[in-house]
Amino acid sequence: MLGSFSVAPGRGRLPKALYSQYPAPGTYSTRATPTGYCTKDCVVLQLDDDSLLRVEDPRGLVKNLVAGEALLAVDTFNRPTLVRWKED
C-alpha cells in the first residue's frame, strides 16, 4: 500500500535555532535589527538570539538601520524574503 502525506506551510514566530534547523516554508514574524546591506536587494538582520540572517529585500522596505518587526516569507528552498517591515 502506498501512502502519501503533506506538510502544511508554517507560520508564527521564527524558530530560535534558525542556523541549525530551517523553518518550514511559510510566513514568520520576528524582532530584528538590520546591521547592513549585502546588495541593493538584500539586508542582514540580527535576530534576538544574536544570530545573523541574510534576507532578500526586493522592495527595499528597510530604509534605516533601526530595530523593528519583520515578517518573513520562507520558500521551499529555505530562502527568507522580507515581506513587511515595521520600525520601532
PDB file of N, CA and C in Angstrom:
ATOM      1  N   MET A   1       0.843  -1.170   0.000  1.00  0.00           N
ATOM      2  CA  MET A   1       0.000   0.000   0.000  1.00  0.00           C
ATOM      3  C   MET A   1       0.895   1.243   0.000  1.00  0.00           C
ATOM      4  N   LEU A   2       0.591   2.137  -0.871  1.00  0.00           N
ATOM      5  CA  LEU A   2       1.328   3.393  -0.937  1.00  0.00           C
ATOM      6  C   LEU A   2       0.607   4.440  -0.104  1.00  0.00           C
ATOM      7  N   GLY A   3       1.360   5.214   0.581  1.00  0.00           N
ATOM      8  CA  GLY A   3       0.782   6.281   1.386  1.00  0.00           C
ATOM      9  C   GLY A   3       1.347   7.615   0.959  1.00  0.00           C
ATOM     10  N   SER A   4       0.660   8.654   1.281  1.00  0.00           N
ATOM     11  CA  SER A   4       1.164   9.993   0.971  1.00  0.00           C
ATOM     12  C   SER A   4       0.835  10.900   2.144  1.00  0.00           C
ATOM     13  N   PHE A   5       1.604  11.947   2.256  1.00  0.00           N
ATOM     14  CA  PHE A   5       1.355  12.921   3.296  1.00  0.00           C
ATOM     15  C   PHE A   5       1.750  14.280   2.764  1.00  0.00           C
ATOM     16  N   SER A   6       1.272  15.301   3.396  1.00  0.00           N
ATOM     17  CA  SER A   6       1.645  16.666   3.017  1.00  0.00           C
ATOM     18  C   SER A   6       1.982  17.440   4.273  1.00  0.00           C
ATOM     19  N   VAL A   7       2.812  18.426   4.100  1.00  0.00           N
ATOM     20  CA  VAL A   7       3.216  19.277   5.206  1.00  0.00           C
ATOM     21  C   VAL A   7       2.583  20.640   5.011  1.00  0.00           C
ATOM     22  N   ALA A   8       1.868  21.087   6.008  1.00  0.00           N
ATOM     23  CA  ALA A   8       1.229  22.402   5.927  1.00  0.00           C
ATOM     24  C   ALA A   8       2.278  23.495   6.033  1.00  0.00           C
ATOM     25  N   PRO A   9       2.076  24.606   5.355  1.00  0.00           N
ATOM     26  CA  PRO A   9       3.016  25.727   5.477  1.00  0.00           C
ATOM     27  C   PRO A   9       3.106  26.205   6.917  1.00  0.00           C
ATOM     28  N   GLY A  10       4.302  26.571   7.330  1.00  0.00           N
ATOM     29  CA  GLY A  10       4.499  27.063   8.688  1.00  0.00           C
ATOM     30  C   GLY A  10       4.115  28.522   8.799  1.00  0.00           C
ATOM     31  N   ARG A  11       3.887  28.950  10.017  1.00  0.00           N
ATOM     32  CA  ARG A  11       3.632  30.366  10.284  1.00  0.00           C
ATOM     33  C   ARG A  11       3.785  30.595  11.769  1.00  0.00           C
ATOM     34  N   GLY A  12       3.886  31.821  12.157  1.00  0.00           N
ATOM     35  CA  GLY A  12       4.055  32.156  13.567  1.00  0.00           C
ATOM     36  C   GLY A  12       5.391  32.843  13.803  1.00  0.00           C
ATOM     37  N   ARG A  13       5.975  32.591  14.968  1.00  0.00           N
ATOM     38  CA  ARG A  13       7.269  33.190  15.314  1.00  0.00           C
ATOM     39  C   ARG A  13       8.384  32.387  14.675  1.00  0.00           C
ATOM     40  N   LEU A  14       9.447  33.051  14.266  1.00  0.00           N
ATOM     41  CA  LEU A  14      10.592  32.388  13.669  1.00  0.00           C
ATOM     42  C   LEU A  14      11.280  31.529  14.724  1.00  0.00           C
ATOM     43  N   PRO A  15      11.598  30.265  14.415  1.00  0.00           N
ATOM     44  CA  PRO A  15      12.262  29.399  15.407  1.00  0.00           C
ATOM     45  C   PRO A  15      13.604  29.977  15.844  1.00  0.00           C
ATOM     46  N   LYS A  16      13.962  29.776  17.109  1.00  0.00           N
ATOM     47  CA  LYS A  16      15.213  30.308  17.644  1.00  0.00           C
ATOM     48  C   LYS A  16      16.427  29.660  17.012  1.00  0.00           C
ATOM     49  N   ALA A  17      16.395  28.351  16.777  1.00  0.00           N
ATOM     50  CA  ALA A  17      17.557  27.630  16.249  1.00  0.00           C
ATOM     51  C   ALA A  17      17.575  27.675  14.727  1.00  0.00           C
ATOM     52  N   LEU A  18      17.502  28.862  14.169  1.00  0.00           N
ATOM     53  CA  LEU A  18      17.418  29.005  12.721  1.00  0.00           C
ATOM     54  C   LEU A  18      18.670  28.504  12.021  1.00  0.00           C
ATOM     55  N   TYR A  19      19.832  28.699  12.629  1.00  0.00           N
ATOM     56  CA  TYR A  19      21.070  28.325  11.973  1.00  0.00           C
ATOM     57  C   TYR A  19      21.245  26.814  11.870  1.00  0.00           C
ATOM     58  N   SER A  20      20.577  26.017  12.696  1.00  0.00           N
ATOM     59  CA  SER A  20      20.743  24.576  12.632  1.00  0.00           C
ATOM     60  C   SER A  20      19.471  23.851  12.223  1.00  0.00           C
ATOM     61  N   GLN A  21      18.340  24.512  12.297  1.00  0.00           N
ATOM     62  CA  GLN A  21      17.074  23.880  11.932  1.00  0.00           C
ATOM     63  C   GLN A  21      16.281  24.884  11.107  1.00  0.00           C
ATOM     64  N   TYR A  22      16.144  24.622   9.822  1.00  0.00           N
ATOM     65  CA  TYR A  22      15.446  25.555   8.955  1.00  0.00           C
ATOM     66  C   TYR A  22      13.941  25.460   9.182  1.00  0.00           C
ATOM     67  N   PRO A  23      13.254  26.579   9.156  1.00  0.00           N
ATOM     68  CA  PRO A  23      11.804  26.540   9.330  1.00  0.00           C
ATOM     69  C   PRO A  23      11.118  25.986   8.091  1.00  0.00           C
ATOM     70  N   ALA A  24       9.907  25.514   8.263  1.00  0.00           N
ATOM     71  CA  ALA A  24       9.111  25.046   7.136  1.00  0.00           C
ATOM     72  C   ALA A  24       8.739  26.246   6.271  1.00  0.00           C
ATOM     73  N   PRO A  25       8.493  26.019   4.991  1.00  0.00           N
ATOM     74  CA  PRO A  25       8.052  27.129   4.148  1.00  0.00           C
ATOM     75  C   PRO A  25       6.793  27.763   4.717  1.00  0.00           C
ATOM     76  N   GLY A  26       6.717  29.067   4.666  1.00  0.00           N
ATOM     77  CA  GLY A  26       5.569  29.793   5.189  1.00  0.00           C
ATOM     78  C   GLY A  26       5.962  31.197   5.575  1.00  0.00           C
ATOM     79  N   THR A  27       5.187  31.834   6.436  1.00  0.00           N
ATOM     80  CA  THR A  27       5.477  33.198   6.880  1.00  0.00           C
ATOM     81  C   THR A  27       5.756  33.206   8.370  1.00  0.00           C
ATOM     82  N   TYR A  28       6.733  33.995   8.758  1.00  0.00           N
ATOM     83  CA  TYR A  28       7.166  34.075  10.151  1.00  0.00           C
ATOM     84  C   TYR A  28       7.414  35.533  10.517  1.00  0.00           C
ATOM     85  N   SER A  29       7.152  35.877  11.765  1.00  0.00           N
ATOM     86  CA  SER A  29       7.471  37.223  12.240  1.00  0.00           C
ATOM     87  C   SER A  29       8.551  37.110  13.307  1.00  0.00           C
ATOM     88  N   THR A  30       9.397  38.117  13.360  1.00  0.00           N
ATOM     89  CA  THR A  30      10.472  38.130  14.348  1.00  0.00           C
ATOM     90  C   THR A  30      10.934  39.553  14.604  1.00  0.00           C
ATOM     91  N   ARG A  31      11.486  39.794  15.776  1.00  0.00           N
ATOM     92  CA  ARG A  31      12.111  41.079  16.089  1.00  0.00           C
ATOM     93  C   ARG A  31      13.527  41.027  15.565  1.00  0.00           C
ATOM     94  N   ALA A  32      13.982  42.086  14.959  1.00  0.00           N
ATOM     95  CA  ALA A  32      15.320  42.095  14.378  1.00  0.00           C
ATOM     96  C   ALA A  32      15.860  43.513  14.299  1.00  0.00           C
ATOM     97  N   THR A  33      17.180  43.588  14.141  1.00  0.00           N
ATOM     98  CA  THR A  33      17.866  44.857  13.924  1.00  0.00           C
ATOM     99  C   THR A  33      18.708  44.720  12.667  1.00  0.00           C
ATOM    100  N   PRO A  34      18.468  45.543  11.656  1.00  0.00           N
ATOM    101  CA  PRO A  34      19.303  45.480  10.455  1.00  0.00           C
ATOM    102  C   PRO A  34      20.727  45.952  10.780  1.00  0.00           C
ATOM    103  N   THR A  35      21.722  45.205  10.321  1.00  0.00           N
ATOM    104  CA  THR A  35      23.119  45.575  10.580  1.00  0.00           C
ATOM    105  C   THR A  35      23.818  46.107   9.343  1.00  0.00           C
ATOM    106  N   GLY A  36      23.239  45.896   8.177  1.00  0.00           N
ATOM    107  CA  GLY A  36      23.852  46.384   6.956  1.00  0.00           C
ATOM    108  C   GLY A  36      23.172  45.801   5.726  1.00  0.00           C
ATOM    109  N   TYR A  37      23.665  46.222   4.579  1.00  0.00           N
ATOM    110  CA  TYR A  37      23.102  45.775   3.309  1.00  0.00           C
ATOM    111  C   TYR A  37      24.115  44.890   2.584  1.00  0.00           C
ATOM    112  N   CYS A  38      23.643  43.765   2.009  1.00  0.00           N
ATOM    113  CA  CYS A  38      24.515  42.867   1.229  1.00  0.00           C
ATOM    114  C   CYS A  38      24.644  43.392  -0.195  1.00  0.00           C
ATOM    115  N   THR A  39      23.505  43.606  -0.819  1.00  0.00           N
ATOM    116  CA  THR A  39      23.418  44.149  -2.177  1.00  0.00           C
ATOM    117  C   THR A  39      22.264  45.138  -2.177  1.00  0.00           C
ATOM    118  N   LYS A  40      21.850  45.567  -3.352  1.00  0.00           N
ATOM    119  CA  LYS A  40      20.748  46.528  -3.399  1.00  0.00           C
ATOM    120  C   LYS A  40      19.417  45.919  -2.982  1.00  0.00           C
ATOM    121  N   ASP A  41      19.272  44.599  -3.063  1.00  0.00           N
ATOM    122  CA  ASP A  41      18.017  43.960  -2.664  1.00  0.00           C
ATOM    123  C   ASP A  41      18.229  42.880  -1.604  1.00  0.00           C
ATOM    124  N   CYS A  42      19.188  43.113  -0.706  1.00  0.00           N
ATOM    125  CA  CYS A  42      19.492  42.164   0.369  1.00  0.00           C
ATOM    126  C   CYS A  42      19.892  42.944   1.614  1.00  0.00           C
ATOM    127  N   VAL A  43      19.457  42.455   2.768  1.00  0.00           N
ATOM    128  CA  VAL A  43      19.796  43.098   4.038  1.00  0.00           C
ATOM    129  C   VAL A  43      20.162  42.010   5.055  1.00  0.00           C
ATOM    130  N   VAL A  44      21.069  42.345   5.972  1.00  0.00           N
ATOM    131  CA  VAL A  44      21.464  41.416   7.038  1.00  0.00           C
ATOM    132  C   VAL A  44      20.739  41.832   8.311  1.00  0.00           C
ATOM    133  N   LEU A  45      19.991  40.886   8.889  1.00  0.00           N
ATOM    134  CA  LEU A  45      19.251  41.149  10.119  1.00  0.00           C
ATOM    135  C   LEU A  45      19.902  40.426  11.284  1.00  0.00           C
ATOM    136  N   GLN A  46      20.019  41.114  12.412  1.00  0.00           N
ATOM    137  CA  GLN A  46      20.479  40.482  13.650  1.00  0.00           C
ATOM    138  C   GLN A  46      19.243  40.149  14.465  1.00  0.00           C
ATOM    139  N   LEU A  47      19.046  38.849  14.735  1.00  0.00           N
ATOM    140  CA  LEU A  47      17.871  38.394  15.468  1.00  0.00           C
ATOM    141  C   LEU A  47      18.082  38.546  16.968  1.00  0.00           C
ATOM    142  N   ASP A  48      17.045  38.273  17.741  1.00  0.00           N
ATOM    143  CA  ASP A  48      17.107  38.427  19.198  1.00  0.00           C
ATOM    144  C   ASP A  48      18.162  37.548  19.848  1.00  0.00           C
ATOM    145  N   ASP A  49      18.473  36.387  19.247  1.00  0.00           N
ATOM    146  CA  ASP A  49      19.482  35.491  19.831  1.00  0.00           C
ATOM    147  C   ASP A  49      20.883  35.794  19.306  1.00  0.00           C
ATOM    148  N   ASP A  50      21.094  36.979  18.754  1.00  0.00           N
ATOM    149  CA  ASP A  50      22.367  37.478  18.233  1.00  0.00           C
ATOM    150  C   ASP A  50      22.868  36.748  16.991  1.00  0.00           C
ATOM    151  N   SER A  51      22.032  35.928  16.360  1.00  0.00           N
ATOM    152  CA  SER A  51      22.440  35.299  15.109  1.00  0.00           C
ATOM    153  C   SER A  51      22.134  36.254  13.951  1.00  0.00           C
ATOM    154  N   LEU A  52      22.901  36.150  12.888  1.00  0.00           N
ATOM    155  CA  LEU A  52      22.722  36.995  11.716  1.00  0.00           C
ATOM    156  C   LEU A  52      21.999  36.214  10.634  1.00  0.00           C
ATOM    157  N   LEU A  53      21.093  36.874   9.937  1.00  0.00           N
ATOM    158  CA  LEU A  53      20.296  36.251   8.893  1.00  0.00           C
ATOM    159  C   LEU A  53      20.314  37.146   7.665  1.00  0.00           C
ATOM    160  N   ARG A  54      20.727  36.588   6.550  1.00  0.00           N
ATOM    161  CA  ARG A  54      20.731  37.321   5.278  1.00  0.00           C
ATOM    162  C   ARG A  54      19.361  37.152   4.631  1.00  0.00           C
ATOM    163  N   VAL A  55      18.688  38.256   4.349  1.00  0.00           N
ATOM    164  CA  VAL A  55      17.305  38.242   3.896  1.00  0.00           C
ATOM    165  C   VAL A  55      17.188  39.022   2.591  1.00  0.00           C
ATOM    166  N   GLU A  56      16.447  38.479   1.632  1.00  0.00           N
ATOM    167  CA  GLU A  56      16.168  39.219   0.406  1.00  0.00           C
ATOM    168  C   GLU A  56      15.150  40.310   0.713  1.00  0.00           C
ATOM    169  N   ASP A  57      15.405  41.501   0.188  1.00  0.00           N
ATOM    170  CA  ASP A  57      14.522  42.649   0.386  1.00  0.00           C
ATOM    171  C   ASP A  57      14.271  43.294  -0.973  1.00  0.00           C
ATOM    172  N   PRO A  58      13.500  42.624  -1.850  1.00  0.00           N
ATOM    173  CA  PRO A  58      13.333  43.119  -3.219  1.00  0.00           C
ATOM    174  C   PRO A  58      12.606  44.450  -3.339  1.00  0.00           C
ATOM    175  N   ARG A  59      11.781  44.783  -2.355  1.00  0.00           N
ATOM    176  CA  ARG A  59      11.035  46.046  -2.412  1.00  0.00           C
ATOM    177  C   ARG A  59      11.713  47.173  -1.664  1.00  0.00           C
ATOM    178  N   GLY A  60      12.867  46.919  -1.067  1.00  0.00           N
ATOM    179  CA  GLY A  60      13.594  47.964  -0.348  1.00  0.00           C
ATOM    180  C   GLY A  60      12.841  48.495   0.851  1.00  0.00           C
ATOM    181  N   LEU A  61      12.292  47.605   1.666  1.00  0.00           N
ATOM    182  CA  LEU A  61      11.486  48.017   2.816  1.00  0.00           C
ATOM    183  C   LEU A  61      12.316  48.603   3.948  1.00  0.00           C
ATOM    184  N   VAL A  62      13.545  48.142   4.104  1.00  0.00           N
ATOM    185  CA  VAL A  62      14.406  48.645   5.183  1.00  0.00           C
ATOM    186  C   VAL A  62      15.118  49.903   4.694  1.00  0.00           C
ATOM    187  N   LYS A  63      14.715  51.035   5.224  1.00  0.00           N
ATOM    188  CA  LYS A  63      15.308  52.323   4.831  1.00  0.00           C
ATOM    189  C   LYS A  63      16.361  52.779   5.832  1.00  0.00           C
ATOM    190  N   ASN A  64      16.103  52.542   7.127  1.00  0.00           N
ATOM    191  CA  ASN A  64      17.009  52.959   8.195  1.00  0.00           C
ATOM    192  C   ASN A  64      17.432  51.730   8.990  1.00  0.00           C
ATOM    193  N   LEU A  65      18.641  51.766   9.524  1.00  0.00           N
ATOM    194  CA  LEU A  65      19.149  50.636  10.297  1.00  0.00           C
ATOM    195  C   LEU A  65      18.746  50.766  11.771  1.00  0.00           C
ATOM    196  N   VAL A  66      17.433  50.645  12.021  1.00  0.00           N
ATOM    197  CA  VAL A  66      16.896  50.681  13.379  1.00  0.00           C
ATOM    198  C   VAL A  66      16.068  49.417  13.618  1.00  0.00           C
ATOM    199  N   ALA A  67      15.944  49.027  14.892  1.00  0.00           N
ATOM    200  CA  ALA A  67      15.229  47.797  15.247  1.00  0.00           C
ATOM    201  C   ALA A  67      13.773  47.864  14.817  1.00  0.00           C
ATOM    202  N   GLY A  68      13.202  46.687  14.603  1.00  0.00           N
ATOM    203  CA  GLY A  68      11.801  46.626  14.216  1.00  0.00           C
ATOM    204  C   GLY A  68      11.276  45.212  14.176  1.00  0.00           C
ATOM    205  N   GLU A  69      10.078  45.071  13.627  1.00  0.00           N
ATOM    206  CA  GLU A  69       9.393  43.786  13.488  1.00  0.00           C
ATOM    207  C   GLU A  69       9.392  43.406  12.014  1.00  0.00           C
ATOM    208  N   ALA A  70       9.901  42.207  11.726  1.00  0.00           N
ATOM    209  CA  ALA A  70       9.994  41.741  10.345  1.00  0.00           C
ATOM    210  C   ALA A  70       9.019  40.597  10.104  1.00  0.00           C
ATOM    211  N   LEU A  71       8.363  40.609   8.965  1.00  0.00           N
ATOM    212  CA  LEU A  71       7.553  39.485   8.520  1.00  0.00           C
ATOM    213  C   LEU A  71       8.293  38.867   7.347  1.00  0.00           C
ATOM    214  N   LEU A  72       8.693  37.600   7.510  1.00  0.00           N
ATOM    215  CA  LEU A  72       9.498  36.908   6.512  1.00  0.00           C
ATOM    216  C   LEU A  72       8.690  35.812   5.847  1.00  0.00           C
ATOM    217  N   ALA A  73       8.848  35.672   4.538  1.00  0.00           N
ATOM    218  CA  ALA A  73       8.277  34.549   3.799  1.00  0.00           C
ATOM    219  C   ALA A  73       9.426  33.620   3.445  1.00  0.00           C
ATOM    220  N   VAL A  74       9.320  32.349   3.834  1.00  0.00           N
ATOM    221  CA  VAL A  74      10.356  31.363   3.548  1.00  0.00           C
ATOM    222  C   VAL A  74       9.827  30.445   2.460  1.00  0.00           C
ATOM    223  N   ASP A  75      10.592  30.305   1.354  1.00  0.00           N
ATOM    224  CA  ASP A  75      10.149  29.440   0.268  1.00  0.00           C
ATOM    225  C   ASP A  75      10.631  28.008   0.486  1.00  0.00           C
ATOM    226  N   THR A  76      10.372  27.133  -0.466  1.00  0.00           N
ATOM    227  CA  THR A  76      10.721  25.715  -0.308  1.00  0.00           C
ATOM    228  C   THR A  76      12.222  25.462  -0.341  1.00  0.00           C
ATOM    229  N   PHE A  77      13.003  26.437  -0.751  1.00  0.00           N
ATOM    230  CA  PHE A  77      14.463  26.315  -0.744  1.00  0.00           C
ATOM    231  C   PHE A  77      15.077  26.981   0.486  1.00  0.00           C
ATOM    232  N   ASN A  78      14.262  27.289   1.491  1.00  0.00           N
ATOM    233  CA  ASN A  78      14.685  27.912   2.756  1.00  0.00           C
ATOM    234  C   ASN A  78      15.314  29.284   2.551  1.00  0.00           C
ATOM    235  N   ARG A  79      14.828  30.029   1.570  1.00  0.00           N
ATOM    236  CA  ARG A  79      15.307  31.389   1.332  1.00  0.00           C
ATOM    237  C   ARG A  79      14.308  32.372   1.933  1.00  0.00           C
ATOM    238  N   PRO A  80      14.709  33.124   2.960  1.00  0.00           N
ATOM    239  CA  PRO A  80      13.794  34.105   3.548  1.00  0.00           C
ATOM    240  C   PRO A  80      13.732  35.392   2.727  1.00  0.00           C
ATOM    241  N   THR A  81      12.527  35.901   2.556  1.00  0.00           N
ATOM    242  CA  THR A  81      12.298  37.158   1.856  1.00  0.00           C
ATOM    243  C   THR A  81      11.502  38.074   2.772  1.00  0.00           C
ATOM    244  N   LEU A  82      11.923  39.322   2.865  1.00  0.00           N
ATOM    245  CA  LEU A  82      11.236  40.296   3.716  1.00  0.00           C
ATOM    246  C   LEU A  82       9.948  40.741   3.036  1.00  0.00           C
ATOM    247  N   VAL A  83       8.819  40.520   3.714  1.00  0.00           N
ATOM    248  CA  VAL A  83       7.511  40.868   3.170  1.00  0.00           C
ATOM    249  C   VAL A  83       7.002  42.176   3.765  1.00  0.00           C
ATOM    250  N   ARG A  84       7.253  42.361   5.069  1.00  0.00           N
ATOM    251  CA  ARG A  84       6.797  43.580   5.744  1.00  0.00           C
ATOM    252  C   ARG A  84       7.822  43.964   6.796  1.00  0.00           C
ATOM    253  N   TRP A  85       8.043  45.256   6.961  1.00  0.00           N
ATOM    254  CA  TRP A  85       8.987  45.775   7.951  1.00  0.00           C
ATOM    255  C   TRP A  85       8.348  46.938   8.672  1.00  0.00           C
ATOM    256  N   LYS A  86       8.354  46.886  10.009  1.00  0.00           N
ATOM    257  CA  LYS A  86       7.790  47.968  10.809  1.00  0.00           C
ATOM    258  C   LYS A  86       8.839  48.400  11.816  1.00  0.00           C
ATOM    259  N   GLU A  87       9.312  49.636  11.676  1.00  0.00           N
ATOM    260  CA  GLU A  87      10.318  50.173  12.599  1.00  0.00           C
ATOM    261  C   GLU A  87       9.698  50.483  13.946  1.00  0.00           C
ATOM    262  N   ASP A  88      10.538  50.418  14.984  1.00  0.00           N
ATOM    263  CA  ASP A  88      10.087  50.783  16.339  1.00  0.00           C
ATOM    264  C   ASP A  88       9.971  52.278  16.474  1.00  0.00           C
TER     265      ASP A  88
END
